[in-house]
Each structure stands twice: as structure tokens, then as C-alpha cells.
Amino acid sequence: MTNAIARFKGQRASKEEVQSVAHFIDKLLLSSGLLNDLYSFHKEFEDHSATDNVDTIGNVMVLLMSSYGYTENEAASIVKQEIKTLEEEALRQFHTWQDSKPAKSHSLVAYTFTVMNMIGGMNYWMSHSERYFRPNLTTTAEDRAKLVGDRPGLRCLSNHLAPLDKKHYDTTVSSDSEFNKASTDFTRAVSDHISPGLDGSRDIAASITSQFRKADSEKLCMAPYDYISSLPGKGTIAKLVEASRAWLKVPIESTETIKKLTVIIFNSSLMLDDIQDDSVKRRGMPATHIMHGIGQTVNCVTYMGFKAFRICEDLSRPDECRQVLYDDMEALIYGQALELYWKFHRQCPSMSEYLVMIDNKTGGFFRLVIRLMIAEAPELISCAEKLAHFATVLGRFYQIRDDYQNLVSEEYTATKGFCDDLAEGKFSIMLIHTLQNSPTADRIRGLLFGGTRVGMPEEIRSYILSEMRAAGSLEYTRRIILEVYGTLLELLDELEAGIGRNDLLRNLILFLKV
């Protein structure tokens, strides 16, 4: 069939060219054949019933029902699964082929797209054609159910569950030759995907006692991380790694490894934060757990944590760097625990307690970068403590600035939603100041934490924001941001006086100025 299509619409693809795409084109053709069997099953059964020869229907649905004991719904589910598998694999192989070298001839590209469009059109036609969906069938589901095998010795599909009704499902051996003779159409379509078991119970026993096989599911584990990595961000962590290298002279290989490691931890923490904060948006797009589910996202975060420690082994001083990971990841989790505890118990922290949380949660990221770079530096650094303190102050500035921007920045509104932190019940310096100084503090507490209301209307967020302005909390926070920013520049001046100018780091801080 593929060779016939090569001449379709006057295409001039050579035999060799056609063969080079047959691996995915044939899968699409096979999936279309299965789709035809699925949609034509009722019509074919009707036609053969009229002549009393339903045993001769050449249809995969009949094969699954009569030779394997599946009900009509079970058989349809299997066929749909196989169609989906074929199509997904074909599209994956197509994209690989499309991106590969050398360049493809115009005729081959034209042939490939002609065939794929033809198959897509044919499938669409089948899903809507009256040829397949007759409104006047005289046979019923009960009639079709008689196809289900009622004898012992039903065969087993190795990669599908057995029929729910297993009363006729035993271990009688069926040879490959018998199978092929009875189901030519079916084996042609799915021989690479469904293989008959010679003995159901023996196959299961062999699997149970076989050697350990590692699951080939890294792509599944990585999918949530790949998604959040694709969303555009400020890249602060990666920039800090590069800026630190200007001082510490860390080899480029180690620098790239540290960059990869710290970005993994940072993005993983964002995925987990969004789940814990019930956030629905991240960087202007749906949060990762909205796209991939909470369970898969948590599994990904766990996997990426292990991956970070594996990457650590590639550094020149893995023991020292591993200890840094232990220390600062522990601090990150401690800081997050404080924030989650306050939110769950609706307990407003003091300013001092809030700063401790920032130093652990947010400052931990920046200290992690600095300490890893110090550990990999070719020479001992005399100002290691000053660098670590600089990272802590940078963390304070970054978090307070982020909280402030969340409430006042139009950019943050676009990417996270209007006053998203208020909807999450998240404590910030602004909220703490308001609850300590506003005459309407009790009303605000009730709006934030009272009852069991799910979500917070924008009208309530607007009201709380106006009360924050009235209490002077926004201006108070802005003054703190400017003071911490000035302290950052002073610390940077001191460091540059000792170990040299660092334009990359200075530009990073200037970029973050409010």
C-alpha cells in the first residue's frame, strides 16, 4: 500500500525515499486499518448476520471477542489503546525524522505530508460517514455479545488485562500458526504491539520470577520538569552562578554543572510551592500540577531531588558539595515548613520570625549557589563568610521584593493573577504590618481566614489591598526594600574592594531594583 501511495497525486518519491519513512507511515496506515475495524464492526456484523456467517467476519473486534473472550466494550477499549499507541509512536518517529539530517528532497517531503494528510482525512471521514453509523441496524448489542467465546482455551494478550469474566479463560496452548491463520488482518495490524501468549499462566509465572527490569519511564518522570523549564523566567539563579564565577574562577565544566544542579532545585521548588500554595498560574501559564496532575508533579520533584545529588557526583569535590546540598536543602525545607505552618494554622508571625523564614527558604537558594561555587573554586577564598552573608541579604531582598511586586506590579498580575498571595493566604511583610497597624485588622483576618470559602473574589482582594495602602503597609515595605537594596550595594562594594570588581553581579542587582 505504501508504494501505491508513493504515486498518489503524481508524487515522484523514489523507492529508497519511501522506505526511509515507512517506519512511521506504516504505523499510521495500520492505525487507520484498526480504526476502520472499530467503526465498521456493527455494520459488518449486521451484514454477516443476514447471511448467517458471522464466524467469517475479518474484523479485529470479532477476533478479540471470539478468540480472547473480551466483551464488546473491552475489545473497543483495547483497539482504541492500540490506535493511540500507533499514532503516538508514528508522530514521535515523524518528528525525529523531520529534525534529522541530511536535508530531505522536495518530493519526499511532499509525499510524506500528502500521505499523512490523506490518512488524517480518511480517519475523519470514517468517524462521520453514514457508511459506518447506520441508524437502522436490526441486530443488537445482545446479538453481538454471542461472539464472546464460550469455550475453554481462550488466548491471552500479553500486554492487556484479561477479560473481566474469566470463567472460560484457562491455560490451553494455542500455536502461533493457528493464531495467524485465524486472524490474518489482526496480526498484520498489531503484530508489533499485541503478541499472543502461548500459555497465560506460564507467561505470568515467568514474569513474576524473572530478573529485575528497570522501568523505561524517565520521560514520564521528567515531563513536569520539562514543562516548567520551558516557561520563560528571569533566570536569576543561573545569572548568579555566572556572576560568582567572575570572582571564584571556577572551571567552566564545574560552573555548568552547578548551574544545572541549582536550576533543577529551584524549578523543583517552584513546582512544589505551587501545589502547596494552591497556585493555578506560573509565569503566565497554567502551573505544572494543573497540566500534569499533583501526583505526577510530586513524583517529578522527588525524582529531580535524587537527580541533583547524582549530578553533584560530577563535581571535582563531590564530598564537600554534597555536604553543601545537605545543609542548604535542609534549610530550604525548614523555611517552607514555617510558611506552611503559619498558613495552615492561620497564625500571623512576627517580623523577626518572618525574616528567619526568608533566610532559610529563599536565602537558601542563593547560599547554595555561592557555597557550591566556593567549594569548587581552585583556591581557598578568604571572604567566604562575607559571600555567604551577601547571599543571605540577597535572599531577603529578593523575597520581600517579590511579595511587594505580587501586590502592586501589573507584570505580576499578568503572570500570577491579581494579588495572588492574598488569595493563597500567604503572609508577607505588608500583611504582617497591616494586621499589626490597621484599625480593620479583625475584618481583614476574617476575610482572609474565616469560614471555609474556597478561593477569594477579586473584590475582596481589592478591599484588602486598599486597607494595606491606608495602613501605610505598602509604603513601609517599599522603604525596607530600598534599605536592603542599599545594604546589598554596600556589601558588594566591600567584596569588590577585597576580590575585584564584578560587573555581572552588579548588573544583576541593578536589574532587580524596584
Protein backbone atom coordinates (compact mmCIF):
# COMPACT_ATOMS: atom_id res chain seq x y z
CA MET A 1 0.00 0.00 0.00
CA THR A 2 2.84 2.40 0.76
CA ASN A 3 4.31 2.00 -2.73
CA ALA A 4 0.90 2.70 -4.28
CA ILE A 5 0.59 5.89 -2.30
CA ALA A 6 4.06 6.93 -3.50
CA ARG A 7 2.48 7.55 -6.91
CA PHE A 8 -0.50 9.39 -5.44
CA LYS A 9 -1.11 12.85 -6.95
CA GLY A 10 1.88 12.46 -9.24
CA GLN A 11 4.48 12.31 -6.44
CA ARG A 12 7.91 11.17 -7.61
CA ALA A 13 9.45 9.86 -4.39
CA SER A 14 11.93 7.06 -5.08
CA LYS A 15 11.59 3.59 -3.64
CA GLU A 16 14.50 4.28 -1.27
CA GLU A 17 12.94 7.54 -0.13
CA VAL A 18 9.60 5.87 0.52
CA GLN A 19 11.35 3.16 2.51
CA SER A 20 13.08 5.80 4.65
CA VAL A 21 9.72 6.97 6.04
CA ALA A 22 7.92 3.61 6.01
CA HIS A 23 8.66 3.06 9.71
CA PHE A 24 6.16 5.75 10.73
CA ILE A 25 3.92 5.88 7.64
CA ASP A 26 3.12 2.17 8.01
CA LYS A 27 2.16 2.70 11.65
CA LEU A 28 -0.30 5.40 10.62
CA LEU A 29 -1.73 3.12 7.94
CA LEU A 30 -2.06 0.32 10.48
CA SER A 31 -3.82 2.62 12.93
CA SER A 32 -6.23 3.64 10.17
CA GLY A 33 -6.93 -0.02 9.46
CA LEU A 34 -7.75 -0.63 13.10
CA LEU A 35 -9.98 2.46 13.11
CA ASN A 36 -11.85 1.04 10.13
CA ASP A 37 -12.40 -2.23 12.02
CA LEU A 38 -13.63 -0.35 15.08
CA TYR A 39 -16.12 1.83 13.20
CA SER A 40 -17.29 -0.85 10.76
CA PHE A 41 -17.86 -3.57 13.36
CA HIS A 42 -21.61 -3.01 13.79
CA LYS A 43 -22.16 -2.75 10.02
CA GLU A 44 -20.10 -5.88 9.29
CA PHE A 45 -21.90 -7.86 11.98
CA GLU A 46 -25.24 -6.75 10.53
CA ASP A 47 -24.23 -7.79 7.01
CA HIS A 48 -22.89 -11.20 8.06
CA SER A 49 -25.86 -11.89 10.32
CA ALA A 50 -28.14 -11.55 7.32
CA THR A 51 -26.31 -14.46 5.66
CA ASP A 52 -25.81 -16.37 8.93
CA ASN A 53 -22.00 -16.45 8.63
CA VAL A 54 -20.74 -14.21 11.48
CA ASP A 55 -17.88 -16.65 12.04
CA THR A 56 -16.21 -15.38 8.86
CA ILE A 57 -16.05 -11.69 9.77
CA GLY A 58 -12.47 -10.44 9.25
CA ASN A 59 -12.51 -7.80 11.98
CA VAL A 60 -10.25 -7.22 14.96
CA MET A 61 -13.26 -6.67 17.24
CA VAL A 62 -14.55 -10.15 16.35
CA LEU A 63 -11.12 -11.63 16.96
CA LEU A 64 -10.86 -10.11 20.43
CA MET A 65 -14.37 -11.20 21.37
CA SER A 66 -14.41 -14.71 19.91
CA SER A 67 -10.80 -15.80 20.48
CA TYR A 68 -9.95 -13.85 23.62
CA GLY A 69 -13.24 -13.63 25.49
CA TYR A 70 -13.47 -9.83 25.68
CA THR A 71 -16.81 -8.07 25.75
CA GLU A 72 -17.58 -5.55 23.03
CA ASN A 73 -16.68 -2.63 25.31
CA GLU A 74 -13.44 -4.30 26.43
CA ALA A 75 -12.46 -5.05 22.82
CA ALA A 76 -13.21 -1.48 21.74
CA SER A 77 -11.06 -0.16 24.59
CA ILE A 78 -8.13 -2.36 23.50
CA VAL A 79 -8.44 -1.29 19.86
CA LYS A 80 -8.55 2.40 20.84
CA GLN A 81 -5.47 1.92 23.01
CA GLU A 82 -3.58 0.27 20.17
CA ILE A 83 -4.61 3.03 17.75
CA LYS A 84 -3.39 5.67 20.19
CA THR A 85 -0.10 3.83 20.71
CA LEU A 86 0.49 3.52 16.97
CA GLU A 87 -0.32 7.18 16.31
CA GLU A 88 1.83 8.49 19.18
CA GLU A 89 4.80 6.36 18.13
CA ALA A 90 4.35 7.34 14.47
CA LEU A 91 4.27 11.05 15.32
CA ARG A 92 7.32 10.73 17.56
CA GLN A 93 9.23 8.99 14.77
CA PHE A 94 7.99 11.58 12.24
CA HIS A 95 9.34 14.49 14.32
CA THR A 96 12.65 12.68 14.79
CA TRP A 97 12.85 12.12 11.03
CA GLN A 98 11.85 15.74 10.31
CA ASP A 99 14.62 17.12 12.56
CA SER A 100 17.29 14.70 11.34
CA LYS A 101 19.95 15.28 8.71
CA PRO A 102 20.60 15.27 5.78
CA ALA A 103 18.01 17.56 4.19
CA LYS A 104 15.06 15.81 2.56
CA SER A 105 14.17 16.20 -1.11
CA HIS A 106 11.10 18.23 -2.02
CA SER A 107 9.42 15.16 -3.49
CA LEU A 108 9.93 13.14 -0.29
CA VAL A 109 8.57 15.94 1.91
CA ALA A 110 5.59 16.37 -0.43
CA TYR A 111 4.95 12.61 -0.43
CA THR A 112 5.15 12.36 3.35
CA PHE A 113 2.78 15.23 4.03
CA THR A 114 0.39 14.06 1.29
CA VAL A 115 0.14 10.60 2.84
CA MET A 116 -0.24 11.90 6.40
CA ASN A 117 -2.94 14.35 5.36
CA MET A 118 -4.69 11.64 3.37
CA ILE A 119 -4.71 9.31 6.37
CA GLY A 120 -5.99 12.08 8.62
CA GLY A 121 -8.76 12.92 6.15
CA MET A 122 -9.68 9.27 5.76
CA ASN A 123 -9.89 8.83 9.53
CA TYR A 124 -12.06 11.93 9.85
CA TRP A 125 -14.36 10.63 7.10
CA MET A 126 -14.68 7.27 8.84
CA SER A 127 -15.65 8.97 12.11
CA HIS A 128 -18.55 10.80 10.40
CA SER A 129 -19.62 8.62 7.45
CA GLU A 130 -23.12 7.07 7.36
CA ARG A 131 -21.39 4.03 5.91
CA TYR A 132 -20.22 3.19 9.43
CA PHE A 133 -23.03 4.62 11.53
CA ARG A 134 -26.23 3.11 10.27
CA PRO A 135 -29.32 4.32 12.12
CA ASN A 136 -31.42 1.30 11.09
CA LEU A 137 -29.48 -1.68 12.45
CA THR A 138 -31.67 -4.64 13.28
CA THR A 139 -29.03 -6.53 15.28
CA THR A 140 -28.40 -5.53 18.90
CA ALA A 141 -25.59 -5.50 21.45
CA GLU A 142 -27.05 -8.73 22.84
CA ASP A 143 -26.70 -10.31 19.39
CA ARG A 144 -23.06 -9.18 19.13
CA ALA A 145 -22.37 -10.46 22.64
CA LYS A 146 -22.88 -14.00 21.34
CA LEU A 147 -19.49 -13.64 19.64
CA VAL A 148 -17.74 -13.84 23.02
CA GLY A 149 -16.01 -17.20 23.27
CA ASP A 150 -17.91 -19.72 25.40
CA ARG A 151 -15.34 -22.46 25.30
CA PRO A 152 -12.20 -23.14 27.41
CA GLY A 153 -8.81 -22.29 25.99
CA LEU A 154 -9.18 -18.59 25.24
CA ARG A 155 -5.91 -16.95 24.30
CA CYS A 156 -4.09 -14.29 26.35
CA LEU A 157 -2.91 -10.85 25.20
CA SER A 158 0.44 -10.30 26.87
CA ASN A 159 0.12 -6.52 27.26
CA HIS A 160 -3.57 -6.21 28.11
CA LEU A 161 -5.67 -7.21 31.08
CA ALA A 162 -7.63 -10.43 30.83
CA PRO A 163 -11.40 -10.16 30.30
CA LEU A 164 -13.30 -9.35 33.47
CA ASP A 165 -15.37 -12.52 33.00
CA LYS A 166 -12.65 -15.19 33.25
CA LYS A 167 -14.81 -18.29 33.58
CA HIS A 168 -13.64 -19.62 30.19
CA TYR A 169 -10.13 -18.25 30.49
CA ASP A 170 -7.63 -21.05 31.02
CA THR A 171 -4.16 -22.13 30.04
CA THR A 172 -4.78 -24.13 26.87
CA VAL A 173 -1.89 -23.66 24.44
CA SER A 174 -2.64 -22.04 21.07
CA SER A 175 0.07 -22.17 18.44
CA ASP A 176 1.30 -19.16 16.51
CA SER A 177 0.34 -20.82 13.22
CA GLU A 178 -3.26 -21.30 14.39
CA PHE A 179 -3.39 -17.73 15.55
CA ASN A 180 -2.03 -16.38 12.27
CA LYS A 181 -4.42 -18.49 10.21
CA ALA A 182 -7.44 -17.34 12.21
CA SER A 183 -6.59 -13.67 12.38
CA THR A 184 -4.57 -12.51 9.38
CA ASP A 185 -5.96 -8.96 9.39
CA PHE A 186 -5.41 -8.53 13.09
CA THR A 187 -1.79 -9.72 13.17
CA ARG A 188 -0.95 -7.59 10.17
CA ALA A 189 -2.15 -4.51 12.04
CA VAL A 190 -0.80 -5.07 15.52
CA SER A 191 1.79 -7.83 15.42
CA ASP A 192 4.38 -5.42 16.77
CA HIS A 193 2.16 -4.36 19.62
CA ILE A 194 0.00 -7.33 20.65
CA SER A 195 1.53 -10.77 20.86
CA PRO A 196 -0.45 -13.90 21.73
CA GLY A 197 0.66 -15.77 24.82
CA LEU A 198 1.19 -19.47 24.34
CA ASP A 199 0.18 -20.19 27.88
CA GLY A 200 -1.36 -17.48 30.04
CA SER A 201 -0.44 -18.84 33.45
CA ARG A 202 3.08 -19.85 32.44
CA ASP A 203 3.70 -16.36 30.96
CA ILE A 204 2.60 -14.75 34.23
CA ALA A 205 4.70 -17.12 36.32
CA ALA A 206 7.74 -16.47 34.15
CA SER A 207 7.29 -12.72 34.56
CA ILE A 208 6.95 -12.97 38.33
CA THR A 209 10.15 -14.98 38.68
CA SER A 210 12.21 -13.12 36.07
CA GLN A 211 15.10 -10.76 36.84
CA PHE A 212 14.54 -7.13 37.83
CA ARG A 213 13.91 -4.81 34.88
CA LYS A 214 14.26 -1.07 35.35
CA ALA A 215 11.22 0.82 34.10
CA ASP A 216 11.83 2.82 30.94
CA SER A 217 9.88 5.84 32.22
CA GLU A 218 12.40 8.66 32.60
CA LYS A 219 10.47 10.76 30.09
CA LEU A 220 7.35 10.39 32.23
CA CYS A 221 9.30 11.43 35.33
CA MET A 222 10.82 14.42 33.54
CA ALA A 223 7.68 15.67 31.78
CA PRO A 224 6.55 18.11 34.54
CA TYR A 225 10.10 19.46 34.89
CA ASP A 226 10.46 19.87 31.13
CA TYR A 227 7.22 21.83 31.17
CA ILE A 228 8.21 24.32 33.88
CA SER A 229 11.68 24.68 32.34
CA SER A 230 10.06 25.72 29.07
CA LEU A 231 8.30 28.67 30.74
CA PRO A 232 10.25 31.94 30.45
CA GLY A 233 11.66 33.21 33.75
CA LYS A 234 14.17 35.76 35.00
CA GLY A 235 16.97 33.19 35.19
CA THR A 236 18.26 34.73 38.45
CA ILE A 237 19.89 31.56 39.76
CA ALA A 238 21.80 30.86 36.54
CA LYS A 239 22.91 34.51 36.39
CA LEU A 240 24.18 34.33 39.97
CA VAL A 241 26.24 31.25 39.09
CA GLU A 242 27.88 33.10 36.19
CA ALA A 243 28.44 36.21 38.32
CA SER A 244 30.10 34.15 41.07
CA ARG A 245 32.50 32.62 38.57
CA ALA A 246 33.90 36.10 37.82
CA TRP A 247 35.26 36.14 41.38
CA LEU A 248 35.90 32.49 42.18
CA LYS A 249 37.46 31.34 38.86
CA VAL A 250 35.58 28.04 38.96
CA PRO A 251 36.34 25.87 35.88
CA ILE A 252 33.71 26.15 33.17
CA GLU A 253 32.78 22.44 33.46
CA SER A 254 32.07 22.77 37.18
CA THR A 255 30.25 26.05 36.62
CA GLU A 256 27.89 24.47 34.11
CA THR A 257 27.30 21.50 36.43
CA ILE A 258 26.49 23.80 39.36
CA LYS A 259 24.20 25.86 37.15
CA LYS A 260 22.34 22.73 36.07
CA LEU A 261 22.11 21.43 39.63
CA THR A 262 20.88 24.67 41.23
CA VAL A 263 18.36 25.40 38.47
CA ILE A 264 16.95 21.88 38.98
CA ILE A 265 16.46 22.55 42.68
CA PHE A 266 14.98 26.00 42.04
CA ASN A 267 12.47 24.83 39.41
CA SER A 268 11.56 21.79 41.51
CA SER A 269 10.82 24.04 44.46
CA LEU A 270 8.54 26.17 42.27
CA MET A 271 6.54 23.09 41.26
CA LEU A 272 6.16 22.08 44.89
CA ASP A 273 5.36 25.63 46.03
CA ASP A 274 2.55 25.91 43.50
CA ILE A 275 0.96 22.72 44.84
CA GLN A 276 1.35 23.78 48.48
CA ASP A 277 0.03 27.29 47.77
CA ASP A 278 -2.85 26.13 45.54
CA SER A 279 -1.50 28.33 42.74
CA VAL A 280 -3.03 27.86 39.31
CA LYS A 281 -0.59 30.02 37.32
CA ARG A 282 3.17 30.19 36.98
CA ARG A 283 4.96 32.64 34.68
CA GLY A 284 1.70 33.46 32.94
CA MET A 285 0.86 29.83 32.13
CA PRO A 286 -1.01 27.06 33.98
CA ALA A 287 1.01 25.76 36.94
CA THR A 288 2.77 22.44 36.40
CA HIS A 289 0.38 20.40 38.56
CA ILE A 290 -2.56 21.82 36.60
CA MET A 291 -1.01 20.46 33.39
CA HIS A 292 0.39 17.16 34.71
CA GLY A 293 -1.57 16.43 37.89
CA ILE A 294 -0.47 16.71 41.51
CA GLY A 295 0.73 13.11 41.83
CA GLN A 296 2.94 13.19 38.73
CA THR A 297 4.34 16.60 39.69
CA VAL A 298 5.24 15.46 43.23
CA ASN A 299 6.84 12.34 41.75
CA CYS A 300 8.86 14.56 39.40
CA VAL A 301 10.02 16.80 42.27
CA THR A 302 11.17 13.70 44.16
CA TYR A 303 12.98 12.37 41.11
CA MET A 304 14.70 15.69 40.42
CA GLY A 305 15.92 15.82 44.02
CA PHE A 306 17.69 12.49 43.53
CA LYS A 307 18.95 13.70 40.16
CA ALA A 308 20.52 16.77 41.80
CA PHE A 309 22.56 14.56 44.13
CA ARG A 310 23.64 12.39 41.20
CA ILE A 311 24.79 15.50 39.34
CA CYS A 312 26.74 16.53 42.42
CA GLU A 313 28.97 13.47 41.91
CA ASP A 314 30.23 15.03 38.64
CA LEU A 315 31.88 17.92 40.50
CA SER A 316 35.57 17.86 41.33
CA ARG A 317 34.90 17.94 45.10
CA PRO A 318 31.73 15.87 45.40
CA ASP A 319 32.03 15.24 49.15
CA GLU A 320 32.19 18.94 50.01
CA CYS A 321 29.48 19.84 47.52
CA ARG A 322 27.22 17.06 48.77
CA GLN A 323 27.50 18.46 52.30
CA VAL A 324 26.51 21.89 50.97
CA LEU A 325 23.47 20.29 49.35
CA TYR A 326 22.51 18.58 52.61
CA ASP A 327 22.84 21.81 54.60
CA ASP A 328 21.05 24.22 52.31
CA MET A 329 18.31 21.88 51.10
CA GLU A 330 17.56 21.18 54.75
CA ALA A 331 17.34 24.95 55.33
CA LEU A 332 15.00 25.32 52.33
CA ILE A 333 12.64 22.71 53.75
CA TYR A 334 12.79 24.24 57.24
CA GLY A 335 11.85 27.64 55.83
CA GLN A 336 8.99 26.20 53.81
CA ALA A 337 7.74 24.36 56.89
CA LEU A 338 7.41 27.65 58.77
CA GLU A 339 5.42 29.30 55.98
CA LEU A 340 3.12 26.30 55.57
CA TYR A 341 2.57 26.08 59.35
CA TRP A 342 1.55 29.74 59.62
CA LYS A 343 -0.78 29.42 56.67
CA PHE A 344 -2.47 26.22 57.87
CA HIS A 345 -2.91 27.44 61.46
CA ARG A 346 -3.75 30.99 60.36
CA GLN A 347 -1.08 32.23 62.72
CA CYS A 348 0.50 35.59 61.91
CA PRO A 349 4.29 35.55 62.52
CA SER A 350 6.28 38.42 63.93
CA MET A 351 8.60 40.40 61.64
CA SER A 352 11.57 38.62 63.19
CA GLU A 353 10.03 35.18 62.61
CA TYR A 354 9.22 36.12 59.03
CA LEU A 355 12.85 37.10 58.34
CA VAL A 356 14.03 33.76 59.73
CA MET A 357 11.71 32.03 57.26
CA ILE A 358 13.12 34.07 54.36
CA ASP A 359 16.71 33.39 55.40
CA ASN A 360 16.06 29.66 55.24
CA LYS A 361 13.63 29.36 52.33
CA THR A 362 14.78 31.99 49.84
CA GLY A 363 18.24 32.78 51.15
CA GLY A 364 18.95 29.06 50.99
CA PHE A 365 18.91 29.14 47.18
CA PHE A 366 21.43 31.94 46.95
CA ARG A 367 23.70 30.48 49.65
CA LEU A 368 23.56 27.14 47.85
CA VAL A 369 24.94 28.76 44.68
CA ILE A 370 27.68 30.68 46.49
CA ARG A 371 28.77 27.79 48.71
CA LEU A 372 28.90 25.30 45.81
CA MET A 373 30.99 27.73 43.78
CA ILE A 374 33.31 28.30 46.77
CA ALA A 375 33.68 24.52 47.19
CA GLU A 376 34.68 24.15 43.52
CA ALA A 377 36.99 27.18 43.46
CA PRO A 378 40.60 26.20 42.63
CA GLU A 379 41.93 28.34 45.52
CA LEU A 380 40.76 28.94 49.07
CA ILE A 381 38.57 32.02 49.43
CA SER A 382 39.33 34.31 52.36
CA CYS A 383 35.99 36.11 52.24
CA ALA A 384 33.75 33.00 52.19
CA GLU A 385 31.70 34.17 55.18
CA LYS A 386 31.13 37.62 53.65
CA LEU A 387 29.99 35.98 50.43
CA ALA A 388 27.56 33.75 52.33
CA HIS A 389 26.19 36.77 54.21
CA PHE A 390 25.80 38.64 50.92
CA ALA A 391 23.76 35.69 49.61
CA THR A 392 21.54 35.80 52.71
CA VAL A 393 20.84 39.53 52.31
CA LEU A 394 20.21 38.99 48.59
CA GLY A 395 17.63 36.35 49.55
CA ARG A 396 15.88 38.81 51.89
CA PHE A 397 15.78 41.49 49.21
CA TYR A 398 14.57 39.04 46.55
CA GLN A 399 11.69 37.64 48.66
CA ILE A 400 10.44 40.96 50.05
CA ARG A 401 10.65 42.48 46.58
CA ASP A 402 8.74 39.52 45.14
CA ASP A 403 5.98 39.83 47.77
CA TYR A 404 5.69 43.55 47.10
CA GLN A 405 5.58 43.13 43.33
CA ASN A 406 2.90 40.45 43.67
CA LEU A 407 0.52 43.09 45.01
CA VAL A 408 1.50 46.20 43.02
CA SER A 409 3.06 45.06 39.72
CA GLU A 410 0.96 44.77 36.56
CA GLU A 411 3.53 42.28 35.23
CA TYR A 412 2.97 40.02 38.23
CA THR A 413 -0.79 40.35 37.82
CA ALA A 414 -0.43 39.13 34.23
CA THR A 415 1.74 36.13 35.14
CA LYS A 416 0.37 35.11 38.55
CA GLY A 417 -3.05 36.73 38.82
CA PHE A 418 -4.31 39.78 40.73
CA CYS A 419 -2.93 39.83 44.31
CA ASP A 420 -2.35 36.07 44.12
CA ASP A 421 -0.58 35.97 47.51
CA LEU A 422 -3.70 37.26 49.26
CA ALA A 423 -5.82 34.54 47.67
CA GLU A 424 -3.30 31.96 48.90
CA GLY A 425 -3.41 33.29 52.46
CA LYS A 426 0.34 33.89 52.28
CA PHE A 427 1.96 36.05 54.95
CA SER A 428 4.24 38.87 53.85
CA ILE A 429 5.79 41.92 55.50
CA MET A 430 2.93 44.00 54.09
CA LEU A 431 0.25 41.74 55.53
CA ILE A 432 2.02 41.43 58.88
CA HIS A 433 2.33 45.23 59.11
CA THR A 434 -1.34 45.66 58.18
CA LEU A 435 -2.56 43.16 60.77
CA GLN A 436 -0.45 44.92 63.40
CA ASN A 437 -1.45 48.50 62.50
CA SER A 438 -4.77 48.65 60.64
CA PRO A 439 -7.98 49.53 62.56
CA THR A 440 -9.74 46.99 60.32
CA ALA A 441 -7.29 44.17 61.14
CA ASP A 442 -10.00 41.89 62.58
CA ARG A 443 -12.14 42.30 59.46
CA ILE A 444 -9.16 41.52 57.26
CA ARG A 445 -8.39 38.38 59.29
CA GLY A 446 -11.98 37.27 58.82
CA LEU A 447 -11.84 37.84 55.08
CA LEU A 448 -8.51 36.00 54.80
CA PHE A 449 -9.10 33.09 57.13
CA GLY A 450 -12.74 32.99 58.18
CA GLY A 451 -15.13 30.22 57.19
CA THR A 452 -14.46 27.53 54.62
CA ARG A 453 -14.74 29.64 51.47
CA VAL A 454 -12.76 28.28 48.53
CA GLY A 455 -10.94 30.99 46.57
CA MET A 456 -11.09 34.74 47.08
CA PRO A 457 -13.07 37.08 44.79
CA GLU A 458 -11.13 39.98 43.28
CA GLU A 459 -13.40 42.42 45.10
CA ILE A 460 -12.14 41.15 48.46
CA ARG A 461 -8.53 41.25 47.28
CA SER A 462 -9.05 44.85 46.15
CA TYR A 463 -10.52 45.77 49.52
CA ILE A 464 -7.63 44.23 51.49
CA LEU A 465 -5.14 45.96 49.19
CA SER A 466 -6.83 49.30 49.82
CA GLU A 467 -6.65 48.72 53.58
CA MET A 468 -2.94 47.92 53.23
CA ARG A 469 -2.44 51.25 51.49
CA ALA A 470 -4.45 53.04 54.16
CA ALA A 471 -2.33 51.45 56.93
CA GLY A 472 0.86 52.57 55.14
CA SER A 473 1.98 48.94 54.73
CA LEU A 474 2.91 49.24 51.06
CA GLU A 475 5.00 52.34 51.62
CA TYR A 476 6.57 50.76 54.72
CA THR A 477 7.58 47.71 52.67
CA ARG A 478 8.94 49.85 49.84
CA ARG A 479 11.21 51.67 52.30
CA ILE A 480 12.50 48.32 53.59
CA ILE A 481 13.21 47.17 50.03
CA LEU A 482 15.20 50.33 49.31
CA GLU A 483 17.13 49.99 52.58
CA VAL A 484 18.02 46.36 51.91
CA TYR A 485 18.95 47.28 48.34
CA GLY A 486 21.35 49.94 49.67
CA THR A 487 22.85 47.38 52.06
CA LEU A 488 23.36 44.97 49.16
CA LEU A 489 25.31 47.59 47.21
CA GLU A 490 27.45 48.38 50.30
CA LEU A 491 28.27 44.70 50.77
CA LEU A 492 29.09 44.43 47.08
CA ASP A 493 31.45 47.41 47.36
CA GLU A 494 33.25 45.73 50.29
CA LEU A 495 33.58 42.45 48.39
CA GLU A 496 34.86 44.18 45.26
CA ALA A 497 37.43 46.02 47.34
CA GLY A 498 38.78 42.65 48.50
CA ILE A 499 38.48 40.36 45.48
CA GLY A 500 37.93 42.64 42.47
CA ARG A 501 35.14 44.26 40.50
CA ASN A 502 32.21 42.11 39.43
CA ASP A 503 30.13 43.78 36.73
CA LEU A 504 27.94 40.73 36.19
CA LEU A 505 26.81 40.68 39.81
CA ARG A 506 26.34 44.44 39.93
CA ASN A 507 24.21 44.32 36.78
CA LEU A 508 22.12 41.51 38.28
CA ILE A 509 21.37 43.60 41.37
CA LEU A 510 20.61 46.68 39.27
CA PHE A 511 18.21 44.55 37.21
CA LEU A 512 16.29 43.62 40.37
CA LYS A 513 15.90 47.21 41.57
CA VAL A 514 12.29 48.21 42.17
